[in-house]
């Protein structure tokens, strides 16, 4: 039997991180192409952040609406702030504490930033990733990279190279394999364009740590269209199969075709005949964050599962960001 040539061609675009792979990635990016890149949060669909034609390719591949702005990634805070028209003191304090890392700051943009990157908004979302592969790529490329999650719009975010390949196939010529994402949730997004800092999206940094610097944050309301930053839409991170949120174990049907996204000791409360993915048997929110999207994807792909169920996690630390994603996935 001949091998499936299409599958073979698709699989060949996943390449382990190496000096040679980074050079190839930089070459493709400078040609205006789009690639898959690792970060500590989720895998990104990367393109030259200052090349409007390359940015348009991101929107095309993701099937992403043009009103949903992108995040620009840079190698350090100095390079990030070169793209901002104004950098308030609180931005510098947050950068000093959390960059590189899973924090995105929204600041007034300079004209050099293409309108397509910001969906026509006068502000730009900026982040400095800590992942060594992302850092190596940014250093070698020498400029900002736009890198929204490497999946079709609204779908489950990928946290390893294989998930990118399964989602996008050969739509991109190269996927840099930097291993599983350590954080597993998208970045926390803070808007600093107004008089007071505003939380646009909970993410990979516990809110309590940020508020130790900013004070209590006002929180933006999810929207149906025209968000101020990525991840603000009401419907997002969604599996193909329906996801239902319930508040008690007893609300989950005892059926073999049910997939349960469990956490901690929930699973010990009932003999469950369906398929279970436990985010953390010991109730560790950081472990749960790392496993969230991978577990959702496994349940979504499971041939015996028709409907997914989840119980909200404790609403503190990274539990806030996890619950936010579950709510939007179930919307």
Protein backbone atom coordinates (compact mmCIF):
# COMPACT_ATOMS: atom_id res chain seq x y z
CA UNK A 1 0.00 0.00 0.00
CA UNK A 2 1.33 3.42 -0.91
CA UNK A 3 1.67 5.93 1.93
CA UNK A 4 -0.80 8.79 2.02
CA UNK A 5 1.23 11.47 0.23
CA UNK A 6 -0.92 14.32 1.54
CA UNK A 7 -0.46 13.22 5.16
CA UNK A 8 3.28 12.76 4.58
CA UNK A 9 3.59 16.25 3.11
CA UNK A 10 1.72 17.75 6.02
CA UNK A 11 3.78 15.91 8.62
CA UNK A 12 7.01 17.14 7.05
CA UNK A 13 6.31 20.74 8.08
CA UNK A 14 6.87 19.97 11.80
CA UNK A 15 10.56 20.57 12.52
CA UNK A 16 12.30 20.36 15.93
CA UNK A 17 13.90 23.59 17.14
CA UNK A 18 17.49 23.91 15.97
CA UNK A 19 19.84 26.56 14.64
CA UNK A 20 19.07 25.46 11.08
CA UNK A 21 15.31 25.45 11.71
CA UNK A 22 15.44 28.99 13.12
CA UNK A 23 17.35 30.18 10.04
CA UNK A 24 14.75 28.59 7.77
CA UNK A 25 11.95 30.17 9.81
CA UNK A 26 13.54 33.61 9.52
CA UNK A 27 13.94 33.17 5.76
CA UNK A 28 10.27 32.30 5.37
CA UNK A 29 9.16 35.19 7.60
CA UNK A 30 11.25 37.68 5.62
CA UNK A 31 9.59 36.38 2.46
CA UNK A 32 6.23 37.33 3.98
CA UNK A 33 5.19 33.78 4.82
CA UNK A 34 3.48 32.53 7.97
CA UNK A 35 4.85 29.81 10.28
CA UNK A 36 3.94 28.01 13.49
CA UNK A 37 6.06 29.02 16.48
CA UNK A 38 6.18 27.88 20.12
CA UNK A 39 5.65 30.18 23.08
CA UNK A 40 5.17 29.43 26.76
CA UNK A 41 1.43 30.19 26.49
CA UNK A 42 0.15 28.50 23.30
CA UNK A 43 1.61 27.94 19.84
CA UNK A 44 1.40 31.00 17.63
CA UNK A 45 0.80 31.58 13.93
CA UNK A 46 3.68 33.96 13.29
CA UNK A 47 4.26 36.57 10.60
CA UNK A 48 6.24 39.79 10.19
CA UNK A 49 4.39 42.20 12.46
CA UNK A 50 5.15 45.20 10.23
CA UNK A 51 4.25 43.57 6.90
CA UNK A 52 0.55 44.12 6.16
CA UNK A 53 0.52 41.49 3.39
CA UNK A 54 1.94 38.87 5.76
CA UNK A 55 -0.57 39.88 8.43
CA UNK A 56 -3.39 39.41 5.94
CA UNK A 57 -2.18 35.84 5.45
CA UNK A 58 -2.64 35.19 9.18
CA UNK A 59 -6.27 36.31 9.00
CA UNK A 60 -6.77 34.16 5.89
CA UNK A 61 -5.29 30.98 7.38
CA UNK A 62 -7.09 31.37 10.73
CA UNK A 63 -10.34 32.49 9.06
CA UNK A 64 -10.19 35.25 11.64
CA UNK A 65 -12.44 38.32 11.33
CA UNK A 66 -10.52 41.48 10.52
CA UNK A 67 -12.02 43.27 13.53
CA UNK A 68 -10.07 41.01 15.96
CA UNK A 69 -6.65 42.62 16.65
CA UNK A 70 -3.34 40.75 16.88
CA UNK A 71 -0.59 40.76 19.52
CA UNK A 72 2.89 41.81 18.45
CA UNK A 73 5.74 39.86 20.07
CA UNK A 74 9.21 41.32 20.56
CA UNK A 75 12.48 40.09 22.02
CA UNK A 76 12.49 42.51 24.99
CA UNK A 77 10.65 45.43 26.55
CA UNK A 78 12.82 48.03 24.83
CA UNK A 79 11.81 46.74 21.41
CA UNK A 80 8.16 46.45 22.46
CA UNK A 81 7.99 50.02 23.68
CA UNK A 82 9.51 51.26 20.39
CA UNK A 83 6.11 50.44 18.90
CA UNK A 84 4.19 52.52 21.45
CA UNK A 85 3.51 56.23 21.18
CA UNK A 86 3.35 56.57 24.95
CA UNK A 87 4.57 54.32 27.77
CA UNK A 88 3.06 55.17 31.19
CA UNK A 89 5.00 54.40 34.35
CA UNK A 90 2.69 51.49 35.20
CA UNK A 91 3.60 49.83 31.88
CA UNK A 92 7.28 49.96 32.80
CA UNK A 93 6.56 48.54 36.25
CA UNK A 94 4.56 45.66 34.81
CA UNK A 95 7.22 44.99 32.18
CA UNK A 96 9.97 44.97 34.80
CA UNK A 97 8.02 42.40 36.84
CA UNK A 98 6.47 40.12 34.21
CA UNK A 99 8.47 40.39 30.96
CA UNK A 100 9.51 38.15 29.46
CA UNK A 101 6.39 36.17 30.26
CA UNK A 102 2.66 35.66 29.62
CA UNK A 103 1.56 39.31 29.91
CA UNK A 104 0.28 41.52 27.09
CA UNK A 105 0.10 45.30 27.45
CA UNK A 106 -2.15 47.44 25.24
CA UNK A 107 -0.65 50.89 24.56
CA UNK A 108 -1.17 53.75 22.09
CA UNK A 109 0.52 52.72 18.85
CA UNK A 110 3.04 54.42 16.61
CA UNK A 111 2.28 54.88 12.92
CA UNK A 112 4.84 52.21 12.00
CA UNK A 113 2.41 49.56 13.26
CA UNK A 114 0.08 48.51 10.40
CA UNK A 115 -3.62 49.16 10.97
CA UNK A 116 -4.28 45.52 10.08
CA UNK A 117 -2.35 44.43 13.18
CA UNK A 118 -4.60 46.55 15.40
CA UNK A 119 -7.85 46.14 13.44
CA UNK A 120 -7.84 49.89 12.93
CA UNK A 121 -7.60 50.68 16.64
CA UNK A 122 -5.21 53.45 17.79
CA UNK A 123 -3.63 50.99 20.26
CA UNK A 124 -1.34 47.99 19.90
CA UNK A 125 -1.11 44.81 22.01
CA UNK A 126 2.51 43.99 22.94
CA UNK A 127 4.15 40.95 24.54
CA UNK A 128 7.66 39.62 25.25
CA UNK A 129 7.57 35.79 25.35
CA UNK A 130 9.92 33.84 27.61
CA UNK A 131 10.02 30.59 25.61
CA UNK A 132 13.64 30.00 24.45
CA UNK A 133 12.54 29.05 20.94
CA UNK A 134 10.44 32.19 20.60
CA UNK A 135 13.31 34.26 21.94
CA UNK A 136 15.76 32.71 19.47
CA UNK A 137 13.39 33.33 16.58
CA UNK A 138 12.76 36.96 17.57
CA UNK A 139 16.48 37.66 18.01
CA UNK A 140 17.29 36.16 14.63
CA UNK A 141 14.38 37.86 12.84
CA UNK A 142 15.20 41.26 14.30
CA UNK A 143 11.70 42.68 14.47
CA UNK A 144 8.22 42.17 15.91
CA UNK A 145 6.18 39.08 15.07
CA UNK A 146 2.41 38.90 15.15
CA UNK A 147 1.51 35.49 16.55
CA UNK A 148 -2.11 34.73 17.44
CA UNK A 149 -2.88 31.15 18.42
CA UNK A 150 -2.14 28.70 15.59
CA UNK A 151 -5.67 27.35 15.10
CA UNK A 152 -8.79 28.12 13.14
CA UNK A 153 -10.65 31.09 14.58
CA UNK A 154 -12.68 30.30 17.69
CA UNK A 155 -11.31 26.77 18.05
CA UNK A 156 -9.26 25.17 20.85
CA UNK A 157 -5.82 26.75 21.16
CA UNK A 158 -2.86 24.42 20.39
CA UNK A 159 -0.31 23.69 23.11
CA UNK A 160 2.04 21.45 21.12
CA UNK A 161 3.31 21.31 17.54
CA UNK A 162 1.23 18.22 16.71
CA UNK A 163 -1.98 20.09 17.57
CA UNK A 164 -0.95 22.88 15.18
CA UNK A 165 -0.33 20.35 12.44
CA UNK A 166 -3.65 18.60 13.08
CA UNK A 167 -5.46 21.95 12.98
CA UNK A 168 -3.75 23.66 10.04
CA UNK A 169 -2.13 20.84 8.06
CA UNK A 170 0.00 22.18 5.21
CA UNK A 171 -1.50 25.70 5.33
CA UNK A 172 1.86 26.77 6.78
CA UNK A 173 5.25 25.68 5.38
CA UNK A 174 6.92 25.26 8.78
CA UNK A 175 5.94 24.52 12.38
CA UNK A 176 8.79 24.90 14.87
CA UNK A 177 8.46 22.18 17.49
CA UNK A 178 9.49 23.61 20.85
CA UNK A 179 7.77 20.96 22.96
CA UNK A 180 4.59 21.29 25.03
CA UNK A 181 3.74 24.80 26.27
CA UNK A 182 4.64 25.28 29.93
CA UNK A 183 1.83 27.73 30.75
CA UNK A 184 -0.88 26.41 28.44
CA UNK A 185 -3.13 29.50 28.63
CA UNK A 186 -2.95 32.63 26.53
CA UNK A 187 -1.42 35.73 28.07
CA UNK A 188 -3.15 38.07 30.49
CA UNK A 189 -4.08 41.28 28.62
CA UNK A 190 -4.08 44.69 30.36
CA UNK A 191 -5.25 47.86 28.60
CA UNK A 192 -3.17 50.88 29.65
CA UNK A 193 -4.59 53.41 27.19
CA UNK A 194 -7.10 54.93 29.60
CA UNK A 195 -6.88 56.66 32.95
CA UNK A 196 -6.96 53.34 34.83
CA UNK A 197 -5.59 49.90 33.89
CA UNK A 198 -8.31 47.61 32.52
CA UNK A 199 -8.27 43.80 32.45
CA UNK A 200 -9.24 42.72 28.95
CA UNK A 201 -8.42 39.02 29.33
CA UNK A 202 -7.43 36.84 32.26
CA UNK A 203 -4.54 34.60 31.36
CA UNK A 204 -1.26 32.98 32.26
CA UNK A 205 -0.41 35.27 35.19
CA UNK A 206 -2.67 35.09 38.27
CA UNK A 207 -4.64 38.30 38.58
CA UNK A 208 -3.62 38.67 42.21
CA UNK A 209 0.03 39.07 41.18
CA UNK A 210 -0.81 41.83 38.72
CA UNK A 211 -3.09 43.68 41.13
CA UNK A 212 -0.26 43.73 43.67
CA UNK A 213 1.29 46.29 41.28
CA UNK A 214 -1.73 47.96 39.67
CA UNK A 215 -4.24 47.83 42.49
CA UNK A 216 -7.76 46.43 41.84
CA UNK A 217 -8.44 46.18 38.12
CA UNK A 218 -11.66 46.99 36.36
CA UNK A 219 -12.70 44.17 34.02
CA UNK A 220 -13.89 44.54 30.46
CA UNK A 221 -17.09 42.80 29.40
CA UNK A 222 -16.89 40.13 26.67
CA UNK A 223 -18.23 41.39 23.34
CA UNK A 224 -19.84 39.96 20.21
CA UNK A 225 -17.62 41.92 17.82
CA UNK A 226 -14.94 44.61 17.62
CA UNK A 227 -12.88 43.64 20.69
CA UNK A 228 -10.10 45.83 22.07
CA UNK A 229 -7.72 42.84 22.24
CA UNK A 230 -7.62 39.14 21.34
CA UNK A 231 -9.68 36.74 23.45
CA UNK A 232 -12.48 39.19 24.30
CA UNK A 233 -15.17 37.62 22.15
CA UNK A 234 -17.97 35.78 23.94
CA UNK A 235 -17.56 32.65 21.80
CA UNK A 236 -13.99 31.36 21.71
CA UNK A 237 -11.73 28.36 22.50
CA UNK A 238 -14.58 26.10 21.41
CA UNK A 239 -14.55 22.35 20.74
CA UNK A 240 -16.60 21.02 17.83
CA UNK A 241 -18.81 19.08 20.24
CA UNK A 242 -21.08 20.92 22.71
CA UNK A 243 -19.53 21.82 26.06
CA UNK A 244 -21.85 22.26 29.04
CA UNK A 245 -20.91 23.85 32.36
CA UNK A 246 -22.58 22.52 35.49
CA UNK A 247 -22.02 23.26 39.18
CA UNK A 248 -22.38 19.83 40.78
CA UNK A 249 -21.08 16.35 39.97
CA UNK A 250 -24.66 15.10 40.19
CA UNK A 251 -25.62 17.33 37.24
CA UNK A 252 -23.40 15.31 34.87
CA UNK A 253 -25.34 12.49 33.13
CA UNK A 254 -24.07 8.99 33.87
CA UNK A 255 -23.70 8.04 30.22
CA UNK A 256 -20.92 6.31 28.31
CA UNK A 257 -20.92 8.98 25.56
CA UNK A 258 -20.20 11.86 27.95
CA UNK A 259 -16.74 13.43 28.25
CA UNK A 260 -15.93 14.96 31.64
CA UNK A 261 -13.25 17.60 32.15
CA UNK A 262 -12.64 16.92 35.84
CA UNK A 263 -10.45 18.59 38.45
CA UNK A 264 -9.05 17.35 41.73
CA UNK A 265 -11.17 14.97 43.78
CA UNK A 266 -14.33 15.54 41.70
CA UNK A 267 -13.80 12.18 40.02
CA UNK A 268 -13.92 10.28 43.32
CA UNK A 269 -17.46 11.48 43.97
CA UNK A 270 -19.13 9.16 41.45
CA UNK A 271 -18.52 6.02 39.42
CA UNK A 272 -18.53 7.57 35.94
CA UNK A 273 -19.10 5.42 32.83
CA UNK A 274 -17.96 8.05 30.33
CA UNK A 275 -14.53 9.39 29.35
CA UNK A 276 -12.65 11.49 31.91
CA UNK A 277 -9.79 13.95 31.48
CA UNK A 278 -8.65 15.14 34.92
CA UNK A 279 -6.84 18.47 34.72
CA UNK A 280 -5.07 17.83 38.04
CA UNK A 281 -5.72 14.98 40.45
CA UNK A 282 -4.06 17.00 43.24
CA UNK A 283 -6.06 20.17 42.52
CA UNK A 284 -3.10 22.20 41.21
CA UNK A 285 -4.35 25.16 39.14
CA UNK A 286 -1.05 25.59 37.30
CA UNK A 287 -1.13 21.96 36.20
CA UNK A 288 -4.76 22.42 35.18
CA UNK A 289 -3.86 25.43 33.04
CA UNK A 290 -1.11 23.48 31.29
CA UNK A 291 -3.48 20.60 30.49
CA UNK A 292 -6.70 22.53 29.71
CA UNK A 293 -6.56 22.84 25.93
CA UNK A 294 -4.83 19.48 25.41
CA UNK A 295 -7.53 17.73 27.47
CA UNK A 296 -10.34 19.58 25.69
CA UNK A 297 -8.87 18.55 22.35
CA UNK A 298 -8.61 14.88 23.41
CA UNK A 299 -12.24 14.78 24.51
CA UNK A 300 -13.31 16.60 21.36
CA UNK A 301 -11.48 14.04 19.20
CA UNK A 302 -12.63 10.99 21.17
CA UNK A 303 -14.90 8.85 18.93
CA UNK A 304 -17.13 7.72 21.81
CA UNK A 305 -17.79 11.21 23.21
CA UNK A 306 -20.79 13.22 22.02
CA UNK A 307 -21.03 15.96 24.68
CA UNK A 308 -18.48 17.51 27.04
CA UNK A 309 -19.15 18.57 30.64
CA UNK A 310 -17.10 20.62 33.09
CA UNK A 311 -17.50 22.07 36.57
CA UNK A 312 -15.95 25.55 37.11
CA UNK A 313 -12.66 25.49 39.00
CA UNK A 314 -11.90 27.53 42.13
CA UNK A 315 -12.11 31.19 41.09
CA UNK A 316 -8.69 32.34 42.23
CA UNK A 317 -5.19 32.28 40.76
CA UNK A 318 -5.22 30.70 37.30
CA UNK A 319 -8.68 29.29 38.02
CA UNK A 320 -10.12 32.65 36.95
CA UNK A 321 -8.55 32.38 33.48
CA UNK A 322 -9.48 28.70 33.12
CA UNK A 323 -13.12 29.39 34.01
CA UNK A 324 -13.22 32.31 31.59
CA UNK A 325 -12.15 30.01 28.75
CA UNK A 326 -14.62 27.31 29.73
CA UNK A 327 -17.44 29.86 29.78
CA UNK A 328 -16.56 31.16 26.33
CA UNK A 329 -16.09 27.66 24.94
CA UNK A 330 -19.56 26.79 26.22
CA UNK A 331 -21.21 30.06 25.08
